[in-house]
């Protein structure tokens, strides 16, 4: 599980770096998100990666805003549009659900059966 979180954090940092880099110059928000999705798609294909996690963007204080959630949703949509079936997109909500399930299984309330 620790490896998964390390990869997840690495991916988030890469996206943040791409999104804030001077090379990422867009005429408007929509074309900027599309450009970012294209860059991510090309990098995923070049590195033969098959799974990517998309998290909500946060402001400089580390707080997720409506804009951050919107950006994440738009990026997910663009990735599905640009590269359908090329790789699996894991959303933050799915990760949180998995985390809750893992925590619940560790409480002993759920019994695994063979």
Protein backbone atom coordinates (compact mmCIF):
# COMPACT_ATOMS: atom_id res chain seq x y z
CA UNK A 1 0.00 0.00 0.00
CA UNK A 2 2.92 2.32 0.76
CA UNK A 3 4.21 1.91 -2.81
CA UNK A 4 0.79 2.90 -4.13
CA UNK A 5 0.76 6.10 -2.04
CA UNK A 6 4.32 6.96 -3.09
CA UNK A 7 3.36 6.62 -6.75
CA UNK A 8 0.20 8.60 -6.12
CA UNK A 9 2.15 11.46 -4.51
CA UNK A 10 4.74 11.38 -7.31
CA UNK A 11 2.00 11.66 -9.92
CA UNK A 12 0.39 14.57 -8.07
CA UNK A 13 3.71 16.42 -7.93
CA UNK A 14 4.30 15.83 -11.64
CA UNK A 15 0.90 17.27 -12.49
CA UNK A 16 1.48 20.26 -10.28
CA UNK A 17 4.85 20.87 -11.94
CA UNK A 18 3.32 20.60 -15.39
CA UNK A 19 0.40 22.83 -14.51
CA UNK A 20 2.55 25.61 -13.05
CA UNK A 21 5.50 25.43 -15.46
CA UNK A 22 6.25 28.42 -17.72
CA UNK A 23 6.08 26.06 -20.71
CA UNK A 24 2.41 25.49 -19.89
CA UNK A 25 1.06 28.63 -21.50
CA UNK A 26 -2.56 28.49 -22.56
CA UNK A 27 -4.85 30.99 -24.18
CA UNK A 28 -7.73 30.01 -21.94
CA UNK A 29 -8.60 27.49 -19.26
CA UNK A 30 -10.26 24.98 -21.57
CA UNK A 31 -7.38 24.83 -24.01
CA UNK A 32 -4.93 24.74 -21.10
CA UNK A 33 -6.61 21.67 -19.62
CA UNK A 34 -6.69 20.03 -23.06
CA UNK A 35 -2.97 20.77 -23.56
CA UNK A 36 -2.18 19.31 -20.14
CA UNK A 37 -4.20 16.18 -20.90
CA UNK A 38 -2.36 15.76 -24.22
CA UNK A 39 1.03 16.13 -22.49
CA UNK A 40 0.05 13.60 -19.82
CA UNK A 41 -1.26 11.18 -22.45
CA UNK A 42 1.95 11.39 -24.48
CA UNK A 43 4.11 10.91 -21.37
CA UNK A 44 1.99 7.95 -20.25
CA UNK A 45 2.32 6.29 -23.66
CA UNK A 46 6.06 6.99 -23.86
CA UNK A 47 6.70 5.50 -20.42
CA UNK A 48 4.28 2.61 -21.01
CA UNK A 49 2.23 3.49 -17.91
CA UNK A 50 -1.29 2.06 -17.73
CA UNK A 51 -2.76 3.70 -14.61
CA UNK A 52 -2.96 7.30 -13.46
CA UNK A 53 -4.49 8.94 -10.39
CA UNK A 54 -6.16 12.33 -10.65
CA UNK A 55 -6.61 14.34 -7.47
CA UNK A 56 -8.32 17.65 -6.82
CA UNK A 57 -6.01 20.62 -7.21
CA UNK A 58 -5.39 22.70 -4.10
CA UNK A 59 -4.54 26.35 -3.61
CA UNK A 60 -1.28 27.63 -2.12
CA UNK A 61 -2.63 27.02 1.40
CA UNK A 62 -3.26 23.37 0.58
CA UNK A 63 -7.04 23.75 0.57
CA UNK A 64 -9.13 22.18 -2.17
CA UNK A 65 -11.49 24.69 -3.73
CA UNK A 66 -14.38 24.40 -6.16
CA UNK A 67 -11.96 25.48 -8.90
CA UNK A 68 -9.55 22.69 -7.92
CA UNK A 69 -12.33 20.13 -8.09
CA UNK A 70 -13.48 21.53 -11.43
CA UNK A 71 -9.95 21.34 -12.87
CA UNK A 72 -9.59 17.71 -11.79
CA UNK A 73 -12.96 16.77 -13.32
CA UNK A 74 -12.14 18.55 -16.58
CA UNK A 75 -8.73 16.90 -16.75
CA UNK A 76 -10.32 13.47 -16.26
CA UNK A 77 -12.83 14.22 -19.02
CA UNK A 78 -10.09 15.35 -21.40
CA UNK A 79 -7.97 12.28 -20.67
CA UNK A 80 -10.91 10.01 -21.49
CA UNK A 81 -11.59 12.01 -24.66
CA UNK A 82 -8.00 12.15 -25.91
CA UNK A 83 -6.94 8.59 -25.05
CA UNK A 84 -9.99 6.36 -24.74
CA UNK A 85 -9.03 2.95 -23.36
CA UNK A 86 -5.31 3.73 -23.44
CA UNK A 87 -4.93 3.77 -19.65
CA UNK A 88 -7.00 3.61 -16.47
CA UNK A 89 -7.82 6.85 -14.67
CA UNK A 90 -8.25 6.52 -10.90
CA UNK A 91 -10.17 9.37 -9.30
CA UNK A 92 -9.62 10.69 -5.78
CA UNK A 93 -13.11 9.62 -4.73
CA UNK A 94 -12.26 6.05 -5.69
CA UNK A 95 -9.03 6.23 -3.69
CA UNK A 96 -10.85 7.56 -0.63
CA UNK A 97 -13.45 4.79 -0.90
CA UNK A 98 -10.69 2.18 -1.09
CA UNK A 99 -8.96 3.73 1.92
CA UNK A 100 -12.19 3.62 3.97
CA UNK A 101 -12.72 -0.03 3.03
CA UNK A 102 -9.17 -0.90 4.04
CA UNK A 103 -9.55 0.88 7.37
CA UNK A 104 -12.85 -0.89 8.00
CA UNK A 105 -11.30 -4.28 7.26
CA UNK A 106 -8.53 -3.54 9.76
CA UNK A 107 -11.00 -2.83 12.57
CA UNK A 108 -11.99 -6.49 12.78
CA UNK A 109 -15.66 -5.80 12.02
CA UNK A 110 -15.33 -7.53 8.66
CA UNK A 111 -14.34 -11.16 8.55
CA UNK A 112 -12.57 -12.55 5.49
CA UNK A 113 -13.74 -15.95 4.35
CA UNK A 114 -11.87 -18.30 2.07
